[in-house]
């Protein structure tokens, strides 16, 4: 990874416009999500921003109780910054974050990035038949 890139959990650095634009227009999991929901999700998560100088080029967030469980969500690197190892570095920083050590379970959902997460210990669900979901109409794609 180029040393000019930094990863920070400082929410004051996050660029809501960049995050919302990617999630609502380029992601398959949050297509058309309203900006107010993106802001609320940021407010209630541990967030990681990836920056080149002061410009945000990537993002991820963790939904967690900081004790037993973490859900990794909204991971992205802007297209023009891909291919530089940034997503791997981002996942490494997240999984090594001091506040997230000792958790019993991490989960995530991905359509196409399994090879990104596998080196960090993510696998298919054990006993997936035990997991349930409740899906409600949200007005945007998930």
Foldseek 3Di string as FASTA:
>chain_A
DDPLKDKDQPPVLDDLVVLCCCQCPPDQARHNPDSVVVVVVSVQWRKMFMDRPSDTFWIWTWHDPLAAEIEIDSTDGHPVPPPPCVSLVVVVCVCPPPSNPPHNDYYYDDDPPPVSCVVVPDDPDDPCVVDDDDDDDDPTHD
